[in-house]
Amino acid sequence: MTYTLLNIVFLGIVAIVAIAAVVVRRAPRWRAVGLAAVLMLTLTAIFDNVIIATGLVAYDDSLISGVFIGIAPIEDFAYTVAALVLLPAVWELLRRQPSHHDGES
């Protein structure tokens, strides 16, 4: 199985959870997610390149797409994207719904 195929499956599951969050509850605060995405994707680019350059991680060339950011395969970024979408979606799904009894004695 290629990393791209693995990512498609994984990101598909994330998409289902995100859609459920929007349908069942409400959309996460996408502006906040976007700001977090800039930071997290930048950090992923920096640290993944360092980790690969130092030899801590290596990839089988036959299992990657050949698209890189620096020396990090683009597939490495799927996990960051998944976290950026999944965490706020799950947060919305698990957020306690205020009841009409809240605040009453």
N, C-alpha and C. Protein backbone atom coordinates (compact mmCIF):
# COMPACT_ATOMS: atom_id res chain seq x y z
N MET A 1 0.85 -1.17 0.00
CA MET A 1 0.00 0.00 0.00
C MET A 1 0.91 1.24 0.00
N THR A 2 0.59 2.19 -0.86
CA THR A 2 1.39 3.41 -0.93
C THR A 2 0.95 4.37 0.19
N TYR A 3 1.82 5.32 0.49
CA TYR A 3 1.48 6.32 1.50
C TYR A 3 0.29 7.16 1.04
N THR A 4 0.21 7.41 -0.25
CA THR A 4 -0.91 8.20 -0.79
C THR A 4 -2.23 7.47 -0.56
N LEU A 5 -2.27 6.18 -0.85
CA LEU A 5 -3.50 5.41 -0.63
C LEU A 5 -3.85 5.36 0.85
N LEU A 6 -2.87 5.15 1.69
CA LEU A 6 -3.10 5.15 3.13
C LEU A 6 -3.67 6.50 3.58
N ASN A 7 -3.11 7.57 3.06
CA ASN A 7 -3.60 8.91 3.41
C ASN A 7 -5.01 9.15 2.92
N ILE A 8 -5.34 8.66 1.74
CA ILE A 8 -6.70 8.83 1.20
C ILE A 8 -7.71 8.16 2.12
N VAL A 9 -7.40 6.95 2.57
CA VAL A 9 -8.30 6.24 3.49
C VAL A 9 -8.43 7.01 4.80
N PHE A 10 -7.29 7.39 5.36
CA PHE A 10 -7.27 8.09 6.64
C PHE A 10 -7.99 9.43 6.54
N LEU A 11 -7.70 10.21 5.50
CA LEU A 11 -8.33 11.52 5.33
C LEU A 11 -9.82 11.39 5.00
N GLY A 12 -10.20 10.28 4.36
CA GLY A 12 -11.62 10.03 4.11
C GLY A 12 -12.39 9.87 5.40
N ILE A 13 -11.82 9.15 6.34
CA ILE A 13 -12.44 8.97 7.66
C ILE A 13 -12.54 10.32 8.37
N VAL A 14 -11.48 11.09 8.29
CA VAL A 14 -11.47 12.43 8.90
C VAL A 14 -12.57 13.29 8.27
N ALA A 15 -12.71 13.22 6.97
CA ALA A 15 -13.75 14.01 6.28
C ALA A 15 -15.14 13.61 6.75
N ILE A 16 -15.37 12.33 6.96
CA ILE A 16 -16.69 11.87 7.45
C ILE A 16 -16.98 12.45 8.83
N VAL A 17 -15.98 12.43 9.71
CA VAL A 17 -16.16 12.99 11.05
C VAL A 17 -16.41 14.50 10.96
N ALA A 18 -15.68 15.19 10.10
CA ALA A 18 -15.85 16.64 9.94
C ALA A 18 -17.25 16.96 9.41
N ILE A 19 -17.71 16.20 8.45
CA ILE A 19 -19.06 16.41 7.90
C ILE A 19 -20.09 16.16 8.98
N ALA A 20 -19.90 15.11 9.77
CA ALA A 20 -20.82 14.81 10.87
C ALA A 20 -20.87 15.97 11.86
N ALA A 21 -19.72 16.57 12.15
CA ALA A 21 -19.68 17.70 13.08
C ALA A 21 -20.47 18.88 12.55
N VAL A 22 -20.35 19.13 11.25
CA VAL A 22 -21.06 20.25 10.64
C VAL A 22 -22.56 19.97 10.61
N VAL A 23 -22.94 18.75 10.28
CA VAL A 23 -24.36 18.40 10.16
C VAL A 23 -25.03 18.31 11.53
N VAL A 24 -24.38 17.61 12.46
CA VAL A 24 -24.98 17.35 13.76
C VAL A 24 -24.91 18.57 14.68
N ARG A 25 -23.79 19.24 14.68
CA ARG A 25 -23.59 20.35 15.60
C ARG A 25 -23.51 21.66 14.82
N ARG A 26 -22.31 22.04 14.54
CA ARG A 26 -22.06 23.26 13.76
C ARG A 26 -20.63 23.16 13.27
N ALA A 27 -20.31 24.00 12.31
CA ALA A 27 -18.96 23.99 11.77
C ALA A 27 -17.98 24.51 12.82
N PRO A 28 -16.82 23.87 12.92
CA PRO A 28 -15.80 24.42 13.81
C PRO A 28 -15.43 25.83 13.36
N ARG A 29 -14.74 26.53 14.19
CA ARG A 29 -14.30 27.89 13.86
C ARG A 29 -13.15 27.78 12.85
N TRP A 30 -13.50 27.81 11.57
CA TRP A 30 -12.51 27.54 10.53
C TRP A 30 -11.42 28.60 10.45
N ARG A 31 -11.72 29.82 10.88
CA ARG A 31 -10.68 30.85 10.88
C ARG A 31 -9.57 30.46 11.85
N ALA A 32 -9.96 29.99 13.02
CA ALA A 32 -8.98 29.53 14.01
C ALA A 32 -8.22 28.32 13.49
N VAL A 33 -8.94 27.43 12.83
CA VAL A 33 -8.29 26.25 12.24
C VAL A 33 -7.29 26.69 11.17
N GLY A 34 -7.65 27.67 10.37
CA GLY A 34 -6.75 28.18 9.34
C GLY A 34 -5.48 28.78 9.92
N LEU A 35 -5.63 29.55 11.00
CA LEU A 35 -4.45 30.12 11.65
C LEU A 35 -3.56 29.03 12.24
N ALA A 36 -4.19 28.03 12.86
CA ALA A 36 -3.43 26.90 13.40
C ALA A 36 -2.75 26.14 12.27
N ALA A 37 -3.42 26.04 11.12
CA ALA A 37 -2.86 25.32 9.97
C ALA A 37 -1.57 25.96 9.48
N VAL A 38 -1.55 27.28 9.42
CA VAL A 38 -0.33 27.97 8.99
C VAL A 38 0.83 27.60 9.91
N LEU A 39 0.60 27.68 11.21
CA LEU A 39 1.64 27.36 12.18
C LEU A 39 2.03 25.89 12.12
N MET A 40 1.06 25.01 12.16
CA MET A 40 1.35 23.57 12.22
C MET A 40 2.00 23.06 10.93
N LEU A 41 1.55 23.53 9.78
CA LEU A 41 2.16 23.08 8.53
C LEU A 41 3.57 23.61 8.37
N THR A 42 3.81 24.82 8.86
CA THR A 42 5.17 25.36 8.84
C THR A 42 6.09 24.54 9.74
N LEU A 43 5.62 24.25 10.94
CA LEU A 43 6.41 23.42 11.86
C LEU A 43 6.63 22.01 11.30
N THR A 44 5.61 21.46 10.67
CA THR A 44 5.75 20.13 10.06
C THR A 44 6.82 20.17 8.97
N ALA A 45 6.78 21.21 8.15
CA ALA A 45 7.77 21.32 7.08
C ALA A 45 9.18 21.40 7.66
N ILE A 46 9.35 22.21 8.67
CA ILE A 46 10.68 22.38 9.27
C ILE A 46 11.16 21.06 9.91
N PHE A 47 10.36 20.53 10.82
CA PHE A 47 10.82 19.38 11.58
C PHE A 47 10.87 18.10 10.76
N ASP A 48 9.95 17.90 9.83
CA ASP A 48 10.02 16.71 8.97
C ASP A 48 11.28 16.74 8.12
N ASN A 49 11.62 17.90 7.60
CA ASN A 49 12.86 18.02 6.82
C ASN A 49 14.08 17.73 7.68
N VAL A 50 14.10 18.22 8.90
CA VAL A 50 15.23 17.96 9.81
C VAL A 50 15.31 16.46 10.13
N ILE A 51 14.19 15.86 10.45
CA ILE A 51 14.17 14.44 10.81
C ILE A 51 14.63 13.58 9.64
N ILE A 52 14.20 13.90 8.44
CA ILE A 52 14.61 13.14 7.26
C ILE A 52 16.08 13.39 6.95
N ALA A 53 16.51 14.65 7.04
CA ALA A 53 17.90 15.00 6.73
C ALA A 53 18.89 14.32 7.68
N THR A 54 18.48 14.14 8.93
CA THR A 54 19.37 13.50 9.91
C THR A 54 19.35 11.98 9.81
N GLY A 55 18.45 11.44 9.00
CA GLY A 55 18.40 9.99 8.81
C GLY A 55 17.55 9.24 9.81
N LEU A 56 16.82 9.96 10.65
CA LEU A 56 15.95 9.29 11.61
C LEU A 56 14.79 8.58 10.93
N VAL A 57 14.36 9.14 9.80
CA VAL A 57 13.24 8.58 9.03
C VAL A 57 13.66 8.51 7.57
N ALA A 58 13.28 7.42 6.94
CA ALA A 58 13.53 7.27 5.50
C ALA A 58 12.26 6.71 4.86
N TYR A 59 12.08 6.99 3.60
CA TYR A 59 10.89 6.54 2.87
C TYR A 59 11.31 5.69 1.69
N ASP A 60 10.51 4.68 1.42
CA ASP A 60 10.70 3.84 0.24
C ASP A 60 10.21 4.65 -0.96
N ASP A 61 11.11 4.96 -1.88
CA ASP A 61 10.76 5.79 -3.04
C ASP A 61 9.62 5.21 -3.87
N SER A 62 9.44 3.91 -3.83
CA SER A 62 8.37 3.30 -4.62
C SER A 62 7.00 3.49 -3.98
N LEU A 63 6.95 3.97 -2.73
CA LEU A 63 5.68 4.13 -2.02
C LEU A 63 5.24 5.58 -1.86
N ILE A 64 6.05 6.53 -2.35
CA ILE A 64 5.68 7.94 -2.24
C ILE A 64 5.35 8.51 -3.62
N SER A 65 4.67 9.65 -3.62
CA SER A 65 4.22 10.24 -4.88
C SER A 65 5.33 10.92 -5.67
N GLY A 66 6.40 11.32 -4.98
CA GLY A 66 7.47 12.04 -5.65
C GLY A 66 7.32 13.55 -5.55
N VAL A 67 6.26 14.00 -4.86
CA VAL A 67 6.06 15.43 -4.61
C VAL A 67 6.65 15.73 -3.25
N PHE A 68 7.52 16.75 -3.19
CA PHE A 68 8.23 17.05 -1.95
C PHE A 68 8.08 18.51 -1.56
N ILE A 69 8.17 18.77 -0.28
CA ILE A 69 8.38 20.10 0.27
C ILE A 69 9.73 20.00 0.95
N GLY A 70 10.72 20.58 0.32
CA GLY A 70 12.10 20.34 0.75
C GLY A 70 12.45 18.91 0.41
N ILE A 71 12.82 18.14 1.43
CA ILE A 71 13.07 16.71 1.20
C ILE A 71 11.98 15.83 1.83
N ALA A 72 10.96 16.47 2.37
CA ALA A 72 9.84 15.75 2.98
C ALA A 72 8.78 15.45 1.93
N PRO A 73 8.38 14.19 1.81
CA PRO A 73 7.31 13.87 0.86
C PRO A 73 6.00 14.53 1.29
N ILE A 74 5.22 14.93 0.33
CA ILE A 74 3.95 15.62 0.60
C ILE A 74 3.04 14.76 1.47
N GLU A 75 3.18 13.45 1.39
CA GLU A 75 2.35 12.55 2.18
C GLU A 75 2.54 12.76 3.68
N ASP A 76 3.71 13.25 4.06
CA ASP A 76 3.98 13.52 5.48
C ASP A 76 3.04 14.56 6.06
N PHE A 77 2.51 15.42 5.23
CA PHE A 77 1.68 16.52 5.71
C PHE A 77 0.23 16.11 5.94
N ALA A 78 -0.16 14.94 5.48
CA ALA A 78 -1.54 14.49 5.63
C ALA A 78 -1.92 14.33 7.09
N TYR A 79 -0.98 13.91 7.91
CA TYR A 79 -1.30 13.70 9.32
C TYR A 79 -1.53 15.02 10.04
N THR A 80 -0.80 16.04 9.64
CA THR A 80 -1.03 17.37 10.21
C THR A 80 -2.38 17.91 9.77
N VAL A 81 -2.70 17.75 8.49
CA VAL A 81 -3.99 18.20 7.97
C VAL A 81 -5.12 17.44 8.67
N ALA A 82 -4.95 16.14 8.85
CA ALA A 82 -5.96 15.33 9.53
C ALA A 82 -6.19 15.83 10.96
N ALA A 83 -5.11 16.11 11.67
CA ALA A 83 -5.24 16.61 13.04
C ALA A 83 -5.93 17.96 13.07
N LEU A 84 -5.60 18.82 12.11
CA LEU A 84 -6.19 20.15 12.06
C LEU A 84 -7.69 20.12 11.79
N VAL A 85 -8.16 19.11 11.10
CA VAL A 85 -9.59 18.98 10.81
C VAL A 85 -10.28 18.11 11.86
N LEU A 86 -9.64 17.00 12.23
CA LEU A 86 -10.27 16.04 13.13
C LEU A 86 -10.46 16.58 14.55
N LEU A 87 -9.46 17.22 15.10
CA LEU A 87 -9.56 17.69 16.48
C LEU A 87 -10.71 18.67 16.68
N PRO A 88 -10.83 19.73 15.86
CA PRO A 88 -11.98 20.63 16.06
C PRO A 88 -13.33 19.96 15.77
N ALA A 89 -13.35 19.02 14.83
CA ALA A 89 -14.61 18.32 14.52
C ALA A 89 -15.04 17.46 15.71
N VAL A 90 -14.11 16.71 16.27
CA VAL A 90 -14.44 15.88 17.44
C VAL A 90 -14.81 16.77 18.61
N TRP A 91 -14.11 17.87 18.78
CA TRP A 91 -14.43 18.82 19.85
C TRP A 91 -15.88 19.27 19.73
N GLU A 92 -16.31 19.61 18.53
CA GLU A 92 -17.69 20.04 18.33
C GLU A 92 -18.67 18.91 18.62
N LEU A 93 -18.33 17.71 18.18
CA LEU A 93 -19.23 16.57 18.40
C LEU A 93 -19.36 16.22 19.89
N LEU A 94 -18.29 16.42 20.65
CA LEU A 94 -18.31 16.06 22.07
C LEU A 94 -18.68 17.22 22.99
N ARG A 95 -18.78 18.40 22.42
CA ARG A 95 -19.10 19.59 23.22
C ARG A 95 -20.47 19.41 23.86
N ARG A 96 -20.54 19.74 25.13
CA ARG A 96 -21.79 19.60 25.86
C ARG A 96 -22.81 20.59 25.35
N GLN A 97 -23.96 20.11 25.07
CA GLN A 97 -25.06 20.97 24.62
C GLN A 97 -25.65 21.66 25.84
N PRO A 98 -25.73 22.99 25.85
CA PRO A 98 -26.33 23.66 27.01
C PRO A 98 -27.79 23.28 27.15
N SER A 99 -28.19 22.94 28.35
CA SER A 99 -29.59 22.59 28.56
C SER A 99 -30.33 23.80 29.11
N HIS A 100 -31.63 23.73 29.09
CA HIS A 100 -32.43 24.85 29.59
C HIS A 100 -32.35 24.95 31.11
N HIS A 101 -31.78 23.92 31.77
CA HIS A 101 -31.63 23.94 33.22
C HIS A 101 -30.32 24.56 33.68
N ASP A 102 -29.37 24.76 32.75
CA ASP A 102 -28.09 25.35 33.12
C ASP A 102 -28.29 26.76 33.67
N GLY A 103 -27.65 27.03 34.76
CA GLY A 103 -27.73 28.36 35.35
C GLY A 103 -28.88 28.53 36.33
N GLU A 104 -29.77 27.55 36.38
CA GLU A 104 -30.89 27.64 37.31
C GLU A 104 -30.53 26.94 38.60
N SER A 105 -31.04 27.43 39.74
CA SER A 105 -30.79 26.81 41.04
C SER A 105 -31.90 25.90 41.40
